[in-house]
Amino acid sequence: MADILCIGSVLWDVIGRSSASMRVGSDVPGRITRLPGGVAMNIAMTLKRFGLTPALLTSIGRDAAGDALVNAADRLGLDTSLIYRSADLPTDQYMAIEGANGLIAAIADAHSLEAADAKILTPLSDGRLGTADAPYSGLIALDGNLTTALLAEIAVSPLFSRADLRVAPASPGKAERLLPLLKTPKATVYVNLEEAGLLCHQTFENASSAAQALIAKGAAKVLVTDGGRQAAYAHAGGMATAEPPQVLVTRVTGAGDTFMAAHIAAEAQGAPPQTALTNALAAAATYVSGDVPS
């Protein structure tokens, strides 16, 4: 049995990295890698490293890229038995360029996941994981690559009414898709400072002020990160803040997913709010420094 469901994008990451600082139009030497990625996949891989057993609910094509991706997930020890495999939809992919000065540009092609829509949630209603009368009551990590309509449906669906729901946008461009889920009583929302501003339609100076605003907007629990600056965890009992370790940044794609997964794992193992936040920041710092294999 899986300890947590990871719902959302599972795709191939194609990442170009250079040690040079880059700008629009730069043409520099570097390395190009292809590895399993997507928000749900990144979260699942990190959860596995922390001793949990994740199951993936996503859409993957029945093409060569999809077969290779499922095989890679199996080798990592992830539960792929619930994945929706489509003969008509290709396997999704993500492409990013990173330089010494951070992420330069990225394109996420998650059109197959969006086209599959609610089909990826079938195991939650057909008895494999639960039904409308006996909904799934465990941990769920949900990413914002699903359509706005499906996320709004999830917010009020009886299938999710008992779940410990952990939610994150896939990117700032999709942050506002989470608005229907913001006031869900059992939801914990993970955002960075920019995404918090988009959800609240204002600009924040720091993570703690953003977290307070999201709680005032109706969120039950929120975590707000701000790169190398202080992060905040706000909930009904108050707020915890912590500074991330200072490290040399060698990669950024997947850092937020690593933070979220590490925080979920810490809480699942009984860590109090301050410890869970500190542990998650340490895990994310280790990841961006390159000390954790991709």
Protein backbone atom coordinates (compact mmCIF):
# COMPACT_ATOMS: atom_id res chain seq x y z
CA MET A 1 0.00 0.00 0.00
CA ALA A 2 1.24 3.49 -0.85
CA ASP A 3 1.82 6.04 1.93
CA ILE A 4 0.89 8.99 -0.30
CA LEU A 5 -0.66 9.69 -3.70
CA CYS A 6 1.19 12.08 -6.01
CA ILE A 7 -1.29 13.54 -8.50
CA GLY A 8 -0.19 15.66 -11.44
CA SER A 9 2.59 15.88 -13.99
CA VAL A 10 4.99 13.02 -14.63
CA LEU A 11 7.07 13.70 -17.72
CA TRP A 12 10.56 13.92 -19.14
CA ASP A 13 12.66 16.89 -18.06
CA VAL A 14 15.08 18.13 -20.72
CA ILE A 15 17.44 20.50 -18.91
CA GLY A 16 20.28 22.55 -20.41
CA ARG A 17 22.74 23.81 -17.78
CA SER A 18 25.73 26.09 -18.14
CA SER A 19 28.17 27.47 -15.58
CA ALA A 20 28.08 30.80 -17.42
CA SER A 21 25.73 33.67 -16.65
CA MET A 22 23.17 33.94 -19.41
CA ARG A 23 20.73 36.41 -20.93
CA VAL A 24 18.24 36.32 -23.78
CA GLY A 25 20.09 35.24 -26.91
CA SER A 26 23.08 33.68 -25.10
CA ASP A 27 24.81 30.78 -26.86
CA VAL A 28 27.14 29.02 -24.42
CA PRO A 29 28.63 25.57 -23.80
CA GLY A 30 27.03 23.35 -21.18
CA ARG A 31 25.33 20.02 -20.55
CA ILE A 32 21.92 18.79 -21.71
CA THR A 33 20.27 16.00 -19.72
CA ARG A 34 16.99 14.10 -19.89
CA LEU A 35 15.61 12.72 -16.64
CA PRO A 36 12.25 11.87 -15.08
CA GLY A 37 10.52 15.02 -13.89
CA GLY A 38 7.28 16.89 -13.46
CA VAL A 39 5.99 18.24 -10.17
CA ALA A 40 4.28 15.02 -9.05
CA MET A 41 7.29 12.93 -10.10
CA ASN A 42 9.80 15.20 -8.36
CA ILE A 43 7.75 15.08 -5.17
CA ALA A 44 7.42 11.29 -5.39
CA MET A 45 11.15 10.74 -5.92
CA THR A 46 12.00 12.86 -2.89
CA LEU A 47 9.36 11.16 -0.74
CA LYS A 48 10.90 7.83 -1.66
CA ARG A 49 14.33 9.04 -0.51
CA PHE A 50 12.75 9.96 2.83
CA GLY A 51 11.33 6.48 3.31
CA LEU A 52 7.74 6.86 2.07
CA THR A 53 6.10 4.80 -0.69
CA PRO A 54 4.39 7.10 -3.24
CA ALA A 55 1.86 6.08 -5.90
CA LEU A 56 1.54 8.15 -9.08
CA LEU A 57 -1.80 9.29 -10.51
CA THR A 58 -1.07 10.88 -13.87
CA SER A 59 -1.31 10.41 -17.63
CA ILE A 60 1.55 8.85 -19.59
CA GLY A 61 1.39 7.94 -23.26
CA ARG A 62 1.74 4.43 -24.64
CA ASP A 63 4.70 5.57 -26.72
CA ALA A 64 8.40 4.75 -26.41
CA ALA A 65 9.01 7.80 -24.22
CA GLY A 66 6.13 6.75 -21.96
CA ASP A 67 7.34 3.16 -21.62
CA ALA A 68 10.82 4.41 -20.71
CA LEU A 69 9.36 6.83 -18.17
CA VAL A 70 7.23 4.18 -16.45
CA ASN A 71 10.22 1.82 -16.36
CA ALA A 72 12.33 4.56 -14.78
CA ALA A 73 9.66 5.17 -12.13
CA ASP A 74 9.47 1.44 -11.41
CA ARG A 75 13.24 1.26 -10.93
CA LEU A 76 12.98 4.11 -8.45
CA GLY A 77 10.49 2.10 -6.39
CA LEU A 78 7.42 4.20 -7.18
CA ASP A 79 3.97 2.64 -7.56
CA THR A 80 2.98 3.05 -11.21
CA SER A 81 0.00 0.65 -11.18
CA LEU A 82 -2.60 3.45 -11.05
CA ILE A 83 -1.27 5.54 -13.95
CA TYR A 84 -3.66 6.28 -16.83
CA ARG A 85 -1.95 5.13 -20.05
CA SER A 86 -3.39 6.58 -23.25
CA ALA A 87 -2.75 5.28 -26.77
CA ASP A 88 -3.87 8.62 -28.22
CA LEU A 89 -1.93 11.09 -26.06
CA PRO A 90 1.87 11.51 -26.22
CA THR A 91 4.04 11.58 -23.12
CA ASP A 92 4.46 15.11 -21.78
CA GLN A 93 7.80 16.90 -21.46
CA TYR A 94 9.43 19.97 -19.93
CA MET A 95 12.36 21.95 -21.27
CA ALA A 96 14.46 24.44 -19.29
CA ILE A 97 17.65 26.47 -19.64
CA GLU A 98 19.65 27.23 -16.48
CA GLY A 99 22.75 29.40 -16.11
CA ALA A 100 24.92 30.54 -13.24
CA ASN A 101 22.36 33.30 -12.68
CA GLY A 102 19.44 30.87 -12.27
CA LEU A 103 16.58 29.76 -14.49
CA ILE A 104 16.70 31.58 -17.83
CA ALA A 105 13.57 30.14 -19.46
CA ALA A 106 11.36 27.07 -19.38
CA ILE A 107 8.46 25.56 -21.32
CA ALA A 108 6.15 22.94 -19.81
CA ASP A 109 4.23 20.81 -22.29
CA ALA A 110 1.64 19.11 -20.06
CA HIS A 111 -1.12 19.05 -22.68
CA SER A 112 -1.68 15.29 -22.40
CA LEU A 113 -2.22 15.54 -18.66
CA GLU A 114 -4.76 18.29 -19.24
CA ALA A 115 -6.47 16.30 -22.02
CA ALA A 116 -6.73 13.20 -19.82
CA ASP A 117 -8.43 15.39 -17.21
CA ALA A 118 -10.48 13.48 -14.59
CA LYS A 119 -9.55 10.07 -16.04
CA ILE A 120 -6.39 10.12 -13.93
CA LEU A 121 -8.56 10.25 -10.77
CA THR A 122 -10.57 7.10 -11.57
CA PRO A 123 -8.81 4.97 -8.89
CA LEU A 124 -10.22 7.32 -6.24
CA SER A 125 -13.80 6.49 -7.24
CA ASP A 126 -13.80 2.91 -8.54
CA GLY A 127 -12.88 1.22 -5.27
CA ARG A 128 -9.15 0.75 -5.82
CA LEU A 129 -8.39 3.70 -3.51
CA GLY A 130 -11.86 4.75 -2.41
CA THR A 131 -15.38 5.67 -3.44
CA ALA A 132 -17.67 8.66 -2.97
CA ASP A 133 -19.18 6.93 0.09
CA ALA A 134 -15.81 5.80 1.49
CA PRO A 135 -13.30 8.37 0.26
CA TYR A 136 -9.54 8.04 0.46
CA SER A 137 -8.30 9.38 3.79
CA GLY A 138 -4.52 9.45 3.41
CA LEU A 139 -1.95 11.95 2.19
CA ILE A 140 -2.25 13.44 -1.31
CA ALA A 141 0.27 15.70 -3.04
CA LEU A 142 -1.51 17.60 -5.81
CA ASP A 143 0.10 19.88 -8.39
CA GLY A 144 -1.34 22.75 -10.38
CA ASN A 145 -0.70 21.25 -13.81
CA LEU A 146 -4.28 19.98 -13.81
CA THR A 147 -6.88 22.14 -15.53
CA THR A 148 -8.58 24.97 -13.67
CA ALA A 149 -11.92 23.19 -14.00
CA LEU A 150 -10.60 19.91 -12.58
CA LEU A 151 -8.90 21.66 -9.65
CA ALA A 152 -12.17 23.45 -8.89
CA GLU A 153 -13.98 20.10 -9.00
CA ILE A 154 -11.45 18.55 -6.63
CA ALA A 155 -12.01 21.40 -4.15
CA VAL A 156 -15.62 20.30 -3.59
CA SER A 157 -15.43 16.61 -4.50
CA PRO A 158 -16.44 14.06 -1.84
CA LEU A 159 -13.60 11.89 -3.15
CA PHE A 160 -11.12 14.30 -1.51
CA SER A 161 -13.17 15.25 1.55
CA ARG A 162 -11.16 13.16 4.02
CA ALA A 163 -7.72 13.47 2.45
CA ASP A 164 -4.74 15.31 3.93
CA LEU A 165 -4.28 17.41 0.80
CA ARG A 166 -0.94 19.08 0.01
CA VAL A 167 -1.15 21.48 -2.92
CA ALA A 168 1.41 23.38 -4.99
CA PRO A 169 1.23 25.33 -8.25
CA ALA A 170 3.37 24.00 -11.07
CA SER A 171 4.73 27.49 -11.74
CA PRO A 172 3.87 31.14 -11.08
CA GLY A 173 1.97 31.15 -14.37
CA LYS A 174 -0.42 28.54 -12.97
CA ALA A 175 -0.64 29.83 -9.39
CA GLU A 176 -4.13 31.26 -9.73
CA ARG A 177 -5.46 27.82 -10.67
CA LEU A 178 -5.19 27.02 -6.94
CA LEU A 179 -7.71 29.66 -5.84
CA PRO A 180 -10.62 27.17 -5.58
CA LEU A 181 -8.50 24.99 -3.27
CA LEU A 182 -7.23 27.79 -1.05
CA LYS A 183 -10.07 27.55 1.48
CA THR A 184 -10.27 23.74 1.54
CA PRO A 185 -10.19 22.90 5.29
CA LYS A 186 -7.70 20.02 5.03
CA ALA A 187 -5.40 21.60 2.43
CA THR A 188 -1.83 22.76 2.99
CA VAL A 189 -0.68 25.16 0.24
CA TYR A 190 2.99 25.42 -0.79
CA VAL A 191 3.97 28.54 -2.75
CA ASN A 192 6.92 30.83 -3.32
CA LEU A 193 6.75 34.57 -2.71
CA GLU A 194 5.77 35.40 -6.30
CA GLU A 195 3.00 32.78 -6.32
CA ALA A 196 1.67 34.05 -2.98
CA GLY A 197 1.46 37.52 -4.48
CA LEU A 198 -0.48 36.24 -7.48
CA LEU A 199 -2.97 34.42 -5.23
CA CYS A 200 -3.49 37.56 -3.13
CA HIS A 201 -3.19 40.07 -5.99
CA GLN A 202 -0.56 42.09 -4.16
CA THR A 203 3.20 42.29 -3.64
CA PHE A 204 4.90 41.09 -0.47
CA GLU A 205 8.25 42.04 1.02
CA ASN A 206 8.82 38.73 2.75
CA ALA A 207 7.46 35.22 3.26
CA SER A 208 5.92 35.84 6.69
CA SER A 209 3.74 38.72 5.46
CA ALA A 210 2.67 36.62 2.47
CA ALA A 211 1.80 33.67 4.72
CA GLN A 212 -0.26 35.90 7.01
CA ALA A 213 -2.18 37.28 4.02
CA LEU A 214 -2.96 33.80 2.71
CA ILE A 215 -4.27 32.74 6.13
CA ALA A 216 -6.41 35.89 6.21
CA LYS A 217 -7.70 34.91 2.76
CA GLY A 218 -9.01 31.64 4.20
CA ALA A 219 -6.17 29.14 3.87
CA ALA A 220 -5.83 26.58 6.68
CA LYS A 221 -2.06 26.02 6.34
CA VAL A 222 0.47 27.67 4.05
CA LEU A 223 4.20 27.46 3.43
CA VAL A 224 5.88 30.33 1.62
CA THR A 225 9.47 30.19 0.40
CA ASP A 226 11.61 33.03 -0.94
CA GLY A 227 14.71 31.51 -2.50
CA GLY A 228 17.67 32.01 -0.16
CA ARG A 229 15.71 34.24 2.20
CA GLN A 230 13.52 33.42 5.19
CA ALA A 231 10.64 30.98 4.69
CA ALA A 232 7.39 30.88 6.69
CA TYR A 233 4.87 28.23 7.75
CA ALA A 234 1.54 29.67 8.92
CA HIS A 235 -1.30 27.64 10.41
CA ALA A 236 -4.12 27.94 12.91
CA GLY A 237 -1.70 27.66 15.84
CA GLY A 238 0.58 30.47 14.69
CA MET A 239 3.67 30.81 12.51
CA ALA A 240 7.12 29.28 12.21
CA THR A 241 9.94 30.91 10.26
CA ALA A 242 13.43 29.72 9.33
CA GLU A 243 16.40 30.77 7.24
CA PRO A 244 17.56 28.33 4.52
CA PRO A 245 21.20 27.18 4.63
CA GLN A 246 23.45 29.22 2.37
CA VAL A 247 24.85 27.02 -0.40
CA LEU A 248 26.32 27.35 -3.87
CA VAL A 249 23.38 26.96 -6.25
CA THR A 250 24.10 24.57 -9.14
CA ARG A 251 20.50 23.86 -10.22
CA VAL A 252 17.04 25.22 -9.52
CA THR A 253 14.53 23.05 -11.44
CA GLY A 254 12.79 20.82 -8.88
CA ALA A 255 13.92 22.72 -5.78
CA GLY A 256 10.40 23.71 -4.73
CA ASP A 257 9.16 20.16 -5.24
CA THR A 258 12.00 18.85 -3.07
CA PHE A 259 11.10 21.34 -0.33
CA MET A 260 7.45 20.30 -0.41
CA ALA A 261 8.22 16.58 -0.33
CA ALA A 262 10.71 16.93 2.50
CA HIS A 263 8.18 18.91 4.54
CA ILE A 264 5.45 16.31 3.94
CA ALA A 265 7.83 13.52 4.97
CA ALA A 266 8.88 15.35 8.13
CA GLU A 267 5.27 15.91 9.21
CA ALA A 268 4.35 12.33 8.34
CA GLN A 269 7.09 11.23 10.73
CA GLY A 270 5.70 13.43 13.50
CA ALA A 271 7.96 16.48 13.33
CA PRO A 272 6.56 19.69 14.89
CA PRO A 273 6.08 22.77 12.63
CA GLN A 274 9.46 24.40 13.30
CA THR A 275 11.41 21.19 12.78
CA ALA A 276 9.46 20.25 9.65
CA LEU A 277 10.18 23.66 8.12
CA THR A 278 13.88 23.54 9.00
CA ASN A 279 14.25 20.00 7.64
CA ALA A 280 12.53 20.94 4.39
CA LEU A 281 14.77 23.96 3.84
CA ALA A 282 17.86 21.83 4.50
CA ALA A 283 16.70 19.23 1.96
CA ALA A 284 16.04 21.89 -0.67
CA ALA A 285 19.47 23.47 -0.04
CA THR A 286 21.16 20.10 -0.44
CA TYR A 287 19.28 19.58 -3.69
CA VAL A 288 20.15 22.94 -5.28
CA SER A 289 23.81 22.48 -4.27
CA GLY A 290 23.88 19.34 -6.40
CA ASP A 291 24.64 16.94 -3.54
CA VAL A 292 21.52 14.85 -4.26
CA PRO A 293 21.63 12.90 -7.57
CA SER A 294 18.98 13.82 -10.15
